[in-house]
């Protein structure tokens, strides 16, 4: 298995851990891509899309959860 595929699988697993919190507020998250430079692109959906707190959720919640599981990741951005 390629290293990038392994990283993508680990990122997806980390997202599964935060998904219930987003869904409890009427939102969700979709993994769009893990780039070659180890940037994770995600899309906030539902109530999270366009929410005034979405960037805070992305940085404080989602990014921290991903970095805890996959420290190789450089950053998490909204696609």
PDB file of N, CA and C in Angstrom:
ATOM      1  N   UNK A   1       0.851  -1.186   0.000  1.00  0.00           N
ATOM      2  CA  UNK A   1       0.000   0.000   0.000  1.00  0.00           C
ATOM      3  C   UNK A   1       0.892   1.244   0.000  1.00  0.00           C
ATOM      4  N   UNK A   2       0.533   2.214  -0.796  1.00  0.00           N
ATOM      5  CA  UNK A   2       1.345   3.428  -0.865  1.00  0.00           C
ATOM      6  C   UNK A   2       1.212   4.232   0.430  1.00  0.00           C
ATOM      7  N   UNK A   3       2.233   5.010   0.699  1.00  0.00           N
ATOM      8  CA  UNK A   3       2.238   5.826   1.919  1.00  0.00           C
ATOM      9  C   UNK A   3       1.084   6.830   1.912  1.00  0.00           C
ATOM     10  N   UNK A   4       0.811   7.448   0.743  1.00  0.00           N
ATOM     11  CA  UNK A   4      -0.269   8.436   0.673  1.00  0.00           C
ATOM     12  C   UNK A   4      -1.625   7.768   0.921  1.00  0.00           C
ATOM     13  N   UNK A   5      -1.820   6.569   0.412  1.00  0.00           N
ATOM     14  CA  UNK A   5      -3.067   5.831   0.640  1.00  0.00           C
ATOM     15  C   UNK A   5      -3.219   5.526   2.130  1.00  0.00           C
ATOM     16  N   UNK A   6      -2.144   5.113   2.770  1.00  0.00           N
ATOM     17  CA  UNK A   6      -2.156   4.837   4.205  1.00  0.00           C
ATOM     18  C   UNK A   6      -2.532   6.097   4.990  1.00  0.00           C
ATOM     19  N   UNK A   7      -1.944   7.216   4.618  1.00  0.00           N
ATOM     20  CA  UNK A   7      -2.245   8.487   5.287  1.00  0.00           C
ATOM     21  C   UNK A   7      -3.711   8.861   5.074  1.00  0.00           C
ATOM     22  N   UNK A   8      -4.187   8.706   3.845  1.00  0.00           N
ATOM     23  CA  UNK A   8      -5.590   9.039   3.546  1.00  0.00           C
ATOM     24  C   UNK A   8      -6.533   8.176   4.386  1.00  0.00           C
ATOM     25  N   UNK A   9      -6.229   6.905   4.526  1.00  0.00           N
ATOM     26  CA  UNK A   9      -7.061   6.019   5.339  1.00  0.00           C
ATOM     27  C   UNK A   9      -7.065   6.459   6.798  1.00  0.00           C
ATOM     28  N   UNK A  10      -5.918   6.874   7.307  1.00  0.00           N
ATOM     29  CA  UNK A  10      -5.820   7.340   8.693  1.00  0.00           C
ATOM     30  C   UNK A  10      -6.570   8.656   8.895  1.00  0.00           C
ATOM     31  N   UNK A  11      -6.516   9.532   7.890  1.00  0.00           N
ATOM     32  CA  UNK A  11      -7.266  10.792   7.954  1.00  0.00           C
ATOM     33  C   UNK A  11      -8.766  10.498   7.976  1.00  0.00           C
ATOM     34  N   UNK A  12      -9.202   9.578   7.121  1.00  0.00           N
ATOM     35  CA  UNK A  12     -10.613   9.208   7.072  1.00  0.00           C
ATOM     36  C   UNK A  12     -11.071   8.656   8.420  1.00  0.00           C
ATOM     37  N   UNK A  13     -10.234   7.872   9.053  1.00  0.00           N
ATOM     38  CA  UNK A  13     -10.541   7.317  10.369  1.00  0.00           C
ATOM     39  C   UNK A  13     -10.673   8.435  11.407  1.00  0.00           C
ATOM     40  N   UNK A  14      -9.795   9.417  11.353  1.00  0.00           N
ATOM     41  CA  UNK A  14      -9.874  10.560  12.275  1.00  0.00           C
ATOM     42  C   UNK A  14     -11.166  11.342  12.052  1.00  0.00           C
ATOM     43  N   UNK A  15     -11.562  11.497  10.794  1.00  0.00           N
ATOM     44  CA  UNK A  15     -12.802  12.217  10.492  1.00  0.00           C
ATOM     45  C   UNK A  15     -14.014  11.471  11.035  1.00  0.00           C
ATOM     46  N   UNK A  16     -13.954  10.145  11.011  1.00  0.00           N
ATOM     47  CA  UNK A  16     -15.059   9.355  11.564  1.00  0.00           C
ATOM     48  C   UNK A  16     -15.236   9.616  13.055  1.00  0.00           C
ATOM     49  N   UNK A  17     -14.157   9.964  13.731  1.00  0.00           N
ATOM     50  CA  UNK A  17     -14.240  10.262  15.163  1.00  0.00           C
ATOM     51  C   UNK A  17     -14.913  11.610  15.428  1.00  0.00           C
ATOM     52  N   UNK A  18     -14.727  12.594  14.550  1.00  0.00           N
ATOM     53  CA  UNK A  18     -15.333  13.912  14.776  1.00  0.00           C
ATOM     54  C   UNK A  18     -16.708  14.043  14.125  1.00  0.00           C
ATOM     55  N   UNK A  19     -17.010  13.173  13.178  1.00  0.00           N
ATOM     56  CA  UNK A  19     -18.284  13.255  12.451  1.00  0.00           C
ATOM     57  C   UNK A  19     -19.509  13.283  13.384  1.00  0.00           C
ATOM     58  N   UNK A  20     -19.592  12.441  14.417  1.00  0.00           N
ATOM     59  CA  UNK A  20     -20.786  12.486  15.285  1.00  0.00           C
ATOM     60  C   UNK A  20     -21.021  13.849  15.942  1.00  0.00           C
ATOM     61  N   UNK A  21     -19.953  14.562  16.265  1.00  0.00           N
ATOM     62  CA  UNK A  21     -20.097  15.890  16.860  1.00  0.00           C
ATOM     63  C   UNK A  21     -20.679  16.877  15.852  1.00  0.00           C
ATOM     64  N   UNK A  22     -20.219  16.790  14.616  1.00  0.00           N
ATOM     65  CA  UNK A  22     -20.743  17.663  13.572  1.00  0.00           C
ATOM     66  C   UNK A  22     -22.200  17.312  13.267  1.00  0.00           C
ATOM     67  N   UNK A  23     -22.486  16.017  13.203  1.00  0.00           N
ATOM     68  CA  UNK A  23     -23.848  15.588  12.899  1.00  0.00           C
ATOM     69  C   UNK A  23     -24.825  15.965  14.008  1.00  0.00           C
ATOM     70  N   UNK A  24     -24.353  16.009  15.241  1.00  0.00           N
ATOM     71  CA  UNK A  24     -25.233  16.391  16.352  1.00  0.00           C
ATOM     72  C   UNK A  24     -25.686  17.840  16.230  1.00  0.00           C
ATOM     73  N   UNK A  25     -24.935  18.645  15.478  1.00  0.00           N
ATOM     74  CA  UNK A  25     -25.314  20.040  15.216  1.00  0.00           C
ATOM     75  C   UNK A  25     -25.926  20.213  13.829  1.00  0.00           C
ATOM     76  N   UNK A  26     -26.258  19.116  13.166  1.00  0.00           N
ATOM     77  CA  UNK A  26     -26.898  19.190  11.857  1.00  0.00           C
ATOM     78  C   UNK A  26     -25.925  19.320  10.700  1.00  0.00           C
ATOM     79  N   UNK A  27     -24.648  19.069  10.953  1.00  0.00           N
ATOM     80  CA  UNK A  27     -23.657  19.188   9.892  1.00  0.00           C
ATOM     81  C   UNK A  27     -23.018  17.858   9.561  1.00  0.00           C
ATOM     82  N   UNK A  28     -22.005  17.931   8.726  1.00  0.00           N
ATOM     83  CA  UNK A  28     -21.241  16.736   8.352  1.00  0.00           C
ATOM     84  C   UNK A  28     -19.950  17.217   7.696  1.00  0.00           C
ATOM     85  N   UNK A  29     -19.091  16.262   7.373  1.00  0.00           N
ATOM     86  CA  UNK A  29     -17.820  16.595   6.745  1.00  0.00           C
ATOM     87  C   UNK A  29     -17.495  15.545   5.701  1.00  0.00           C
ATOM     88  N   UNK A  30     -16.870  15.980   4.631  1.00  0.00           N
ATOM     89  CA  UNK A  30     -16.477  15.085   3.549  1.00  0.00           C
ATOM     90  C   UNK A  30     -14.989  15.288   3.273  1.00  0.00           C
ATOM     91  N   UNK A  31     -14.259  14.191   3.180  1.00  0.00           N
ATOM     92  CA  UNK A  31     -12.851  14.250   2.796  1.00  0.00           C
ATOM     93  C   UNK A  31     -12.779  14.393   1.291  1.00  0.00           C
ATOM     94  N   UNK A  32     -12.186  15.473   0.828  1.00  0.00           N
ATOM     95  CA  UNK A  32     -12.061  15.713  -0.608  1.00  0.00           C
ATOM     96  C   UNK A  32     -10.757  15.133  -1.136  1.00  0.00           C
ATOM     97  N   UNK A  33      -9.652  15.436  -0.446  1.00  0.00           N
ATOM     98  CA  UNK A  33      -8.353  15.041  -0.988  1.00  0.00           C
ATOM     99  C   UNK A  33      -7.281  15.153   0.088  1.00  0.00           C
ATOM    100  N   UNK A  34      -6.275  14.298  -0.034  1.00  0.00           N
ATOM    101  CA  UNK A  34      -5.020  14.471   0.684  1.00  0.00           C
ATOM    102  C   UNK A  34      -3.981  14.683  -0.405  1.00  0.00           C
ATOM    103  N   UNK A  35      -3.392  15.868  -0.447  1.00  0.00           N
ATOM    104  CA  UNK A  35      -2.471  16.216  -1.531  1.00  0.00           C
ATOM    105  C   UNK A  35      -1.088  15.616  -1.291  1.00  0.00           C
ATOM    106  N   UNK A  36      -0.272  15.667  -2.320  1.00  0.00           N
ATOM    107  CA  UNK A  36       1.095  15.150  -2.228  1.00  0.00           C
ATOM    108  C   UNK A  36       1.929  15.895  -1.192  1.00  0.00           C
ATOM    109  N   UNK A  37       1.575  17.171  -0.944  1.00  0.00           N
ATOM    110  CA  UNK A  37       2.315  17.943   0.072  1.00  0.00           C
ATOM    111  C   UNK A  37       1.676  17.815   1.460  1.00  0.00           C
ATOM    112  N   UNK A  38       0.793  16.802   1.619  1.00  0.00           N
ATOM    113  CA  UNK A  38       0.177  16.452   2.903  1.00  0.00           C
ATOM    114  C   UNK A  38      -0.741  17.541   3.463  1.00  0.00           C
ATOM    115  N   UNK A  39      -1.492  18.153   2.556  1.00  0.00           N
ATOM    116  CA  UNK A  39      -2.570  19.055   2.932  1.00  0.00           C
ATOM    117  C   UNK A  39      -3.877  18.282   2.789  1.00  0.00           C
ATOM    118  N   UNK A  40      -4.709  18.372   3.806  1.00  0.00           N
ATOM    119  CA  UNK A  40      -6.006  17.709   3.767  1.00  0.00           C
ATOM    120  C   UNK A  40      -7.052  18.736   3.349  1.00  0.00           C
ATOM    121  N   UNK A  41      -7.827  18.388   2.324  1.00  0.00           N
ATOM    122  CA  UNK A  41      -8.932  19.242   1.877  1.00  0.00           C
ATOM    123  C   UNK A  41     -10.232  18.559   2.276  1.00  0.00           C
ATOM    124  N   UNK A  42     -11.056  19.294   3.020  1.00  0.00           N
ATOM    125  CA  UNK A  42     -12.343  18.775   3.460  1.00  0.00           C
ATOM    126  C   UNK A  42     -13.445  19.752   3.079  1.00  0.00           C
ATOM    127  N   UNK A  43     -14.659  19.241   3.069  1.00  0.00           N
ATOM    128  CA  UNK A  43     -15.823  20.085   2.793  1.00  0.00           C
ATOM    129  C   UNK A  43     -16.806  19.917   3.939  1.00  0.00           C
ATOM    130  N   UNK A  44     -17.107  21.032   4.607  1.00  0.00           N
ATOM    131  CA  UNK A  44     -18.127  21.027   5.649  1.00  0.00           C
ATOM    132  C   UNK A  44     -19.484  21.093   4.972  1.00  0.00           C
ATOM    133  N   UNK A  45     -20.416  20.285   5.457  1.00  0.00           N
ATOM    134  CA  UNK A  45     -21.723  20.188   4.812  1.00  0.00           C
ATOM    135  C   UNK A  45     -22.833  20.417   5.830  1.00  0.00           C
ATOM    136  N   UNK A  46     -24.054  20.524   5.322  1.00  0.00           N
ATOM    137  CA  UNK A  46     -25.214  20.711   6.188  1.00  0.00           C
ATOM    138  C   UNK A  46     -25.136  22.023   6.938  1.00  0.00           C
ATOM    139  N   UNK A  47     -25.488  21.985   8.211  1.00  0.00           N
ATOM    140  CA  UNK A  47     -25.499  23.204   9.026  1.00  0.00           C
ATOM    141  C   UNK A  47     -24.103  23.794   9.184  1.00  0.00           C
ATOM    142  N   UNK A  48     -23.071  22.968   9.023  1.00  0.00           N
ATOM    143  CA  UNK A  48     -21.692  23.460   9.172  1.00  0.00           C
ATOM    144  C   UNK A  48     -21.264  24.326   7.987  1.00  0.00           C
ATOM    145  N   UNK A  49     -21.843  24.064   6.810  1.00  0.00           N
ATOM    146  CA  UNK A  49     -21.486  24.835   5.621  1.00  0.00           C
ATOM    147  C   UNK A  49     -22.040  26.248   5.774  1.00  0.00           C
ATOM    148  N   UNK A  50     -21.149  27.218   5.775  1.00  0.00           N
ATOM    149  CA  UNK A  50     -21.571  28.611   5.881  1.00  0.00           C
ATOM    150  C   UNK A  50     -21.837  29.089   7.301  1.00  0.00           C
ATOM    151  N   UNK A  51     -21.656  28.206   8.270  1.00  0.00           N
ATOM    152  CA  UNK A  51     -21.842  28.605   9.666  1.00  0.00           C
ATOM    153  C   UNK A  51     -20.750  29.604  10.038  1.00  0.00           C
ATOM    154  N   UNK A  52     -21.098  30.633  10.838  1.00  0.00           N
ATOM    155  CA  UNK A  52     -20.074  31.610  11.227  1.00  0.00           C
ATOM    156  C   UNK A  52     -18.910  30.992  12.006  1.00  0.00           C
ATOM    157  N   UNK A  53     -19.134  29.840  12.595  1.00  0.00           N
ATOM    158  CA  UNK A  53     -18.089  29.176  13.380  1.00  0.00           C
ATOM    159  C   UNK A  53     -17.370  28.082  12.595  1.00  0.00           C
ATOM    160  N   UNK A  54     -17.646  27.980  11.307  1.00  0.00           N
ATOM    161  CA  UNK A  54     -17.095  26.868  10.529  1.00  0.00           C
ATOM    162  C   UNK A  54     -15.568  26.859  10.493  1.00  0.00           C
ATOM    163  N   UNK A  55     -14.937  28.015  10.398  1.00  0.00           N
ATOM    164  CA  UNK A  55     -13.464  28.034  10.373  1.00  0.00           C
ATOM    165  C   UNK A  55     -12.905  27.640  11.736  1.00  0.00           C
ATOM    166  N   UNK A  56     -13.580  28.046  12.801  1.00  0.00           N
ATOM    167  CA  UNK A  56     -13.153  27.651  14.140  1.00  0.00           C
ATOM    168  C   UNK A  56     -13.315  26.139  14.309  1.00  0.00           C
ATOM    169  N   UNK A  57     -14.427  25.602  13.838  1.00  0.00           N
ATOM    170  CA  UNK A  57     -14.654  24.155  13.884  1.00  0.00           C
ATOM    171  C   UNK A  57     -13.577  23.430  13.101  1.00  0.00           C
ATOM    172  N   UNK A  58     -13.261  23.956  11.928  1.00  0.00           N
ATOM    173  CA  UNK A  58     -12.266  23.329  11.065  1.00  0.00           C
ATOM    174  C   UNK A  58     -10.897  23.317  11.739  1.00  0.00           C
ATOM    175  N   UNK A  59     -10.477  24.437  12.301  1.00  0.00           N
ATOM    176  CA  UNK A  59      -9.138  24.535  12.889  1.00  0.00           C
ATOM    177  C   UNK A  59      -9.059  23.888  14.273  1.00  0.00           C
ATOM    178  N   UNK A  60      -9.995  24.230  15.142  1.00  0.00           N
ATOM    179  CA  UNK A  60      -9.911  23.752  16.526  1.00  0.00           C
ATOM    180  C   UNK A  60     -10.381  22.313  16.682  1.00  0.00           C
ATOM    181  N   UNK A  61     -11.348  21.913  15.883  1.00  0.00           N
ATOM    182  CA  UNK A  61     -11.892  20.567  16.023  1.00  0.00           C
ATOM    183  C   UNK A  61     -11.312  19.582  15.045  1.00  0.00           C
ATOM    184  N   UNK A  62     -11.595  19.809  13.787  1.00  0.00           N
ATOM    185  CA  UNK A  62     -11.226  18.857  12.745  1.00  0.00           C
ATOM    186  C   UNK A  62      -9.713  18.761  12.584  1.00  0.00           C
ATOM    187  N   UNK A  63      -9.038  19.890  12.436  1.00  0.00           N
ATOM    188  CA  UNK A  63      -7.592  19.869  12.226  1.00  0.00           C
ATOM    189  C   UNK A  63      -6.875  19.219  13.411  1.00  0.00           C
ATOM    190  N   UNK A  64      -7.272  19.556  14.625  1.00  0.00           N
ATOM    191  CA  UNK A  64      -6.620  18.975  15.795  1.00  0.00           C
ATOM    192  C   UNK A  64      -6.828  17.464  15.867  1.00  0.00           C
ATOM    193  N   UNK A  65      -8.029  17.007  15.529  1.00  0.00           N
ATOM    194  CA  UNK A  65      -8.310  15.569  15.535  1.00  0.00           C
ATOM    195  C   UNK A  65      -7.458  14.844  14.500  1.00  0.00           C
ATOM    196  N   UNK A  66      -7.320  15.445  13.330  1.00  0.00           N
ATOM    197  CA  UNK A  66      -6.512  14.827  12.271  1.00  0.00           C
ATOM    198  C   UNK A  66      -5.045  14.817  12.667  1.00  0.00           C
ATOM    199  N   UNK A  67      -4.534  15.931  13.172  1.00  0.00           N
ATOM    200  CA  UNK A  67      -3.117  16.009  13.541  1.00  0.00           C
ATOM    201  C   UNK A  67      -2.768  15.054  14.681  1.00  0.00           C
ATOM    202  N   UNK A  68      -3.718  14.818  15.559  1.00  0.00           N
ATOM    203  CA  UNK A  68      -3.483  13.875  16.656  1.00  0.00           C
ATOM    204  C   UNK A  68      -3.295  12.463  16.107  1.00  0.00           C
ATOM    205  N   UNK A  69      -4.098  12.099  15.108  1.00  0.00           N
ATOM    206  CA  UNK A  69      -4.043  10.760  14.511  1.00  0.00           C
ATOM    207  C   UNK A  69      -2.960  10.640  13.445  1.00  0.00           C
ATOM    208  N   UNK A  70      -2.736  11.725  12.705  1.00  0.00           N
ATOM    209  CA  UNK A  70      -1.831  11.694  11.553  1.00  0.00           C
ATOM    210  C   UNK A  70      -0.895  12.908  11.616  1.00  0.00           C
ATOM    211  N   UNK A  71       0.128  12.845  12.477  1.00  0.00           N
ATOM    212  CA  UNK A  71       0.993  14.018  12.673  1.00  0.00           C
ATOM    213  C   UNK A  71       1.770  14.442  11.424  1.00  0.00           C
ATOM    214  N   UNK A  72       1.828  13.594  10.411  1.00  0.00           N
ATOM    215  CA  UNK A  72       2.529  13.958   9.162  1.00  0.00           C
ATOM    216  C   UNK A  72       1.805  15.062   8.399  1.00  0.00           C
ATOM    217  N   UNK A  73       0.505  15.227   8.628  1.00  0.00           N
ATOM    218  CA  UNK A  73      -0.273  16.213   7.896  1.00  0.00           C
ATOM    219  C   UNK A  73       0.225  17.613   8.228  1.00  0.00           C
ATOM    220  N   UNK A  74       0.340  18.429   7.179  1.00  0.00           N
ATOM    221  CA  UNK A  74       0.836  19.802   7.352  1.00  0.00           C
ATOM    222  C   UNK A  74      -0.279  20.785   7.721  1.00  0.00           C
ATOM    223  N   UNK A  75      -1.444  20.656   7.062  1.00  0.00           N
ATOM    224  CA  UNK A  75      -2.547  21.567   7.358  1.00  0.00           C
ATOM    225  C   UNK A  75      -3.861  20.982   6.829  1.00  0.00           C
ATOM    226  N   UNK A  76      -4.944  21.543   7.328  1.00  0.00           N
ATOM    227  CA  UNK A  76      -6.285  21.155   6.905  1.00  0.00           C
ATOM    228  C   UNK A  76      -6.969  22.408   6.386  1.00  0.00           C
ATOM    229  N   UNK A  77      -7.519  22.314   5.181  1.00  0.00           N
ATOM    230  CA  UNK A  77      -8.182  23.473   4.584  1.00  0.00           C
ATOM    231  C   UNK A  77      -9.565  23.078   4.097  1.00  0.00           C
ATOM    232  N   UNK A  78     -10.403  24.079   3.938  1.00  0.00           N
ATOM    233  CA  UNK A  78     -11.738  23.879   3.410  1.00  0.00           C
ATOM    234  C   UNK A  78     -11.681  23.939   1.891  1.00  0.00           C
ATOM    235  N   UNK A  79     -12.275  22.950   1.255  1.00  0.00           N
ATOM    236  CA  UNK A  79     -12.259  22.897  -0.216  1.00  0.00           C
ATOM    237  C   UNK A  79     -13.423  23.683  -0.786  1.00  0.00           C
TER     238      UNK A  79
END
